[in-house]
Amino acid sequence: MATSQIETVSSGADKAKLAAAVALVVGSVAAFYLLGKQGAVAQWGALLIGLVAAAGVFLVSESGRRLVAFGRDAWREVKKVVWPTRKETMQMTAYVFAFVVVMALFLWLTDKTLEWVFYDLILGWRK
């Protein structure tokens, strides 16, 4: 049973956490480019540390907790899916290919028929 609550008001602390996460992302990208002369290890280290810190700050905010809860609910729903067997999958794939071939033949015949009607019968153009 899914309960839907719409919450449009965020606390000041939550907004500050989101702002801090954005600042950490911007800072880590800036550090990546500013540390260009220090070497690739320093660049990528600063970027990864900043992004991990930003993700951590985001996940402790209300938005982050809702995202994690959504992910858990989605995973729970995926586990309920009854996946087709290999035989069913192969059969459905064969049906799709057969339908594509039939439609291709139909469209080719329609195209050739219209070409014959317009160019040969109506306009009298011979190739």
Protein backbone atom coordinates (compact mmCIF):
# COMPACT_ATOMS: atom_id res chain seq x y z
CA MET A 1 0.00 0.00 0.00
CA ALA A 2 1.54 3.27 -1.08
CA THR A 3 0.82 6.42 0.84
CA SER A 4 1.38 9.67 -0.91
CA GLN A 5 2.16 12.72 1.09
CA ILE A 6 2.88 15.96 -0.64
CA GLU A 7 5.26 18.10 1.32
CA THR A 8 6.12 21.45 -0.13
CA VAL A 9 7.70 23.13 2.89
CA SER A 10 11.36 22.47 3.68
CA SER A 11 13.12 23.51 6.81
CA GLY A 12 15.95 26.00 6.76
CA ALA A 13 18.40 23.30 7.82
CA ASP A 14 17.30 21.11 4.92
CA LYS A 15 17.78 23.96 2.46
CA ALA A 16 21.22 24.60 3.94
CA LYS A 17 22.15 20.93 3.46
CA LEU A 18 21.08 21.05 -0.18
CA ALA A 19 22.99 24.30 -0.70
CA ALA A 20 26.06 22.73 0.93
CA ALA A 21 25.77 19.69 -1.37
CA VAL A 22 25.60 21.96 -4.42
CA ALA A 23 28.55 23.99 -3.14
CA LEU A 24 30.56 20.80 -2.62
CA VAL A 25 29.84 19.67 -6.19
CA VAL A 26 30.82 23.06 -7.62
CA GLY A 27 33.89 23.19 -5.39
CA SER A 28 35.04 19.70 -6.35
CA VAL A 29 34.68 20.47 -10.07
CA ALA A 30 36.57 23.75 -9.57
CA ALA A 31 39.28 21.93 -7.61
CA PHE A 32 39.58 19.39 -10.43
CA TYR A 33 40.43 22.16 -12.89
CA LEU A 34 42.54 24.24 -10.49
CA LEU A 35 44.71 21.25 -9.57
CA GLY A 36 45.64 20.58 -13.20
CA LYS A 37 49.33 21.20 -12.55
CA GLN A 38 49.38 18.95 -9.48
CA GLY A 39 48.79 15.78 -11.47
CA ALA A 40 45.93 13.49 -12.31
CA VAL A 41 45.90 11.81 -8.89
CA ALA A 42 45.33 15.12 -7.09
CA GLN A 43 42.72 16.21 -9.64
CA TRP A 44 40.70 13.02 -9.52
CA GLY A 45 41.15 12.68 -5.76
CA ALA A 46 39.75 16.15 -5.14
CA LEU A 47 36.87 15.53 -7.52
CA LEU A 48 35.95 12.16 -6.02
CA ILE A 49 36.29 13.31 -2.42
CA GLY A 50 34.15 16.37 -3.12
CA LEU A 51 31.48 14.35 -4.92
CA VAL A 52 31.36 11.71 -2.17
CA ALA A 53 31.06 14.46 0.45
CA ALA A 54 28.29 16.12 -1.57
CA ALA A 55 26.45 12.81 -1.87
CA GLY A 56 26.80 12.25 1.87
CA VAL A 57 25.41 15.69 2.68
CA PHE A 58 22.57 15.20 0.20
CA LEU A 59 21.66 11.79 1.64
CA VAL A 60 21.24 13.19 5.17
CA SER A 61 18.83 15.85 3.91
CA GLU A 62 15.10 15.24 3.69
CA SER A 63 15.28 15.04 -0.12
CA GLY A 64 18.05 12.47 0.14
CA ARG A 65 16.10 10.35 2.60
CA ARG A 66 13.06 10.46 0.30
CA LEU A 67 15.26 9.43 -2.64
CA VAL A 68 16.61 6.47 -0.68
CA ALA A 69 13.07 5.49 0.37
CA PHE A 70 11.94 5.73 -3.26
CA GLY A 71 14.85 3.50 -4.31
CA ARG A 72 13.92 0.91 -1.69
CA ASP A 73 10.28 0.94 -2.79
CA ALA A 74 11.29 0.64 -6.44
CA TRP A 75 13.58 -2.30 -5.66
CA ARG A 76 10.79 -3.98 -3.71
CA GLU A 77 8.48 -3.59 -6.73
CA VAL A 78 11.13 -4.95 -9.13
CA LYS A 79 11.39 -8.07 -6.98
CA LYS A 80 7.65 -8.65 -7.51
CA VAL A 81 7.99 -8.76 -11.29
CA VAL A 82 7.48 -12.16 -12.88
CA TRP A 83 10.11 -12.33 -15.58
CA PRO A 84 9.44 -14.38 -18.72
CA THR A 85 11.19 -17.68 -19.23
CA ARG A 86 13.79 -18.10 -21.94
CA LYS A 87 11.28 -19.96 -24.11
CA GLU A 88 8.70 -17.16 -23.77
CA THR A 89 11.31 -14.55 -24.56
CA MET A 90 12.45 -16.38 -27.69
CA GLN A 91 8.85 -16.83 -28.85
CA MET A 92 8.01 -13.16 -28.39
CA THR A 93 11.21 -12.15 -30.18
CA ALA A 94 10.29 -14.42 -33.08
CA TYR A 95 6.81 -12.85 -33.21
CA VAL A 96 8.31 -9.38 -33.34
CA PHE A 97 10.72 -10.32 -36.13
CA ALA A 98 7.92 -11.99 -38.11
CA PHE A 99 5.75 -8.90 -37.70
CA VAL A 100 8.60 -6.65 -38.85
CA VAL A 101 9.14 -8.79 -41.96
CA VAL A 102 5.42 -8.78 -42.78
CA MET A 103 5.19 -5.00 -42.29
CA ALA A 104 8.31 -4.45 -44.42
CA LEU A 105 6.82 -6.51 -47.24
CA PHE A 106 3.48 -4.70 -46.93
CA LEU A 107 5.12 -1.26 -47.00
CA TRP A 108 7.35 -2.25 -49.93
CA LEU A 109 4.36 -3.54 -51.90
CA THR A 110 2.36 -0.41 -51.06
CA ASP A 111 5.26 1.80 -52.15
CA LYS A 112 5.71 -0.06 -55.44
CA THR A 113 1.97 -0.04 -56.12
CA LEU A 114 1.71 3.71 -55.51
CA GLU A 115 4.80 4.27 -57.62
CA TRP A 116 3.24 2.30 -60.48
CA VAL A 117 -0.12 4.09 -60.15
CA PHE A 118 1.32 7.60 -60.02
CA TYR A 119 4.23 7.37 -62.42
CA ASP A 120 2.98 4.85 -64.98
CA LEU A 121 -0.79 5.23 -65.03
CA ILE A 122 -1.48 8.84 -64.01
CA LEU A 123 1.60 10.74 -65.20
CA GLY A 124 2.60 8.37 -67.98
CA TRP A 125 6.30 8.56 -67.08
CA ARG A 126 8.21 5.50 -68.14
CA LYS A 127 11.50 4.69 -66.52
